[in-house]
Structures are given as C-alpha cells and as structure tokens.
Protein backbone atom coordinates (compact mmCIF):
# COMPACT_ATOMS: atom_id res chain seq x y z
CA MET A 1 143.10 49.12 114.16
CA ARG A 2 142.51 46.68 116.99
CA THR A 3 140.65 44.10 114.94
CA ASP A 4 143.10 44.27 111.79
CA SER A 5 145.21 41.25 111.30
CA THR A 6 148.01 43.46 110.08
CA PHE A 7 148.58 44.53 113.80
CA LYS A 8 148.13 41.18 115.46
CA ASP A 9 151.70 41.23 116.87
CA TYR A 10 151.60 44.75 118.32
CA GLN A 11 150.01 45.82 121.61
CA ILE A 12 147.68 48.78 120.80
CA THR A 13 145.90 51.17 123.23
CA THR A 14 142.97 52.99 121.88
CA TYR A 15 141.65 56.21 123.33
CA SER A 16 138.11 57.98 122.56
CA TYR A 17 138.19 61.73 123.02
CA ASP A 18 135.47 64.46 123.15
CA PRO A 19 137.24 67.90 122.55
CA LEU A 20 134.75 69.48 124.72
CA ILE A 21 135.11 67.20 127.71
CA GLY A 22 138.37 65.25 127.38
CA ILE A 23 139.05 61.38 127.32
CA THR A 24 135.77 59.30 127.25
CA SER A 25 137.37 55.79 127.26
CA VAL A 26 140.66 53.92 126.81
CA THR A 27 141.16 50.49 125.90
CA PRO A 28 144.46 49.04 126.82
CA PRO A 29 146.21 45.92 125.10
CA SER A 30 144.08 43.79 127.62
CA GLY A 31 140.99 44.73 126.15
CA ILE A 32 139.29 45.96 129.36
CA ARG A 33 137.91 49.23 128.37
CA GLN A 34 137.89 52.11 130.93
CA VAL A 35 135.07 54.35 130.61
CA TYR A 36 135.72 58.22 131.95
CA ILE A 37 132.56 59.82 133.30
CA TYR A 38 132.29 63.64 133.88
CA ASP A 39 130.12 65.74 136.28
CA THR A 40 127.90 68.57 134.84
CA THR A 41 130.82 71.01 135.53
CA GLY A 42 133.27 69.07 133.49
CA LYS A 43 135.32 67.66 136.24
CA LEU A 44 136.25 63.94 136.15
CA LYS A 45 133.98 62.07 138.56
CA GLU A 46 134.56 58.32 138.03
CA ILE A 47 136.41 55.77 135.87
CA ARG A 48 134.49 52.57 135.33
CA GLU A 49 135.19 49.14 133.82
CA MET A 50 133.56 48.66 130.18
CA SER A 51 130.47 50.93 130.53
CA LYS A 52 129.02 53.82 132.59
CA THR A 53 127.39 51.08 134.86
CA GLY A 54 130.41 48.80 135.07
CA ASN A 55 132.47 48.18 138.19
CA LEU A 56 133.66 51.23 139.87
CA LEU A 57 137.61 51.55 139.48
CA LYS A 58 138.32 55.09 140.75
CA GLU A 59 136.13 57.92 141.98
CA PHE A 60 137.02 61.41 142.42
CA LYS A 61 135.89 64.03 144.86
CA TYR A 62 136.72 67.54 144.83
CA LYS A 63 136.73 69.59 148.16
CA TYR A 64 137.31 73.32 147.70
CA LYS A 65 138.38 75.52 150.26
CA ASN A 66 135.79 77.99 151.95
CA GLN A 67 132.69 75.61 151.07
C-alpha cells in the first residue's frame, strides 16, 4: 500500500506482526522503520531504527522482585 500511487495523498503507518511474538516492526508516515526485538522469553528487549543492528531507540530492562 505504501508504494501504491492511489494512496500518495494519505499518511499511512504499516505494521508487521508475528502472532506468536507480537509487533515486529512499525513504519510511520516518515518512512523511518522501527524494529522490535524480543528476548528468548518473549519479552520486548529493544526498539531499533531500520534494522536489528540500527540505532538503539529504546531499551527495556525487567527487574523482578526477589531476584
């Protein structure tokens, strides 16, 4: 849809989703893709720009009580 000339006047955000994990990427109207990276337990670990090795945008650290 993003490259279809029919939608050239609209701002479109596209999402990639893995049913067993969750959102894997988001591309807002700016075109700068955000990649969501999960750890082995399925928790969101990082959000990076453009690819898995791109600039780190956000990092998530989980702290559990009694550990």
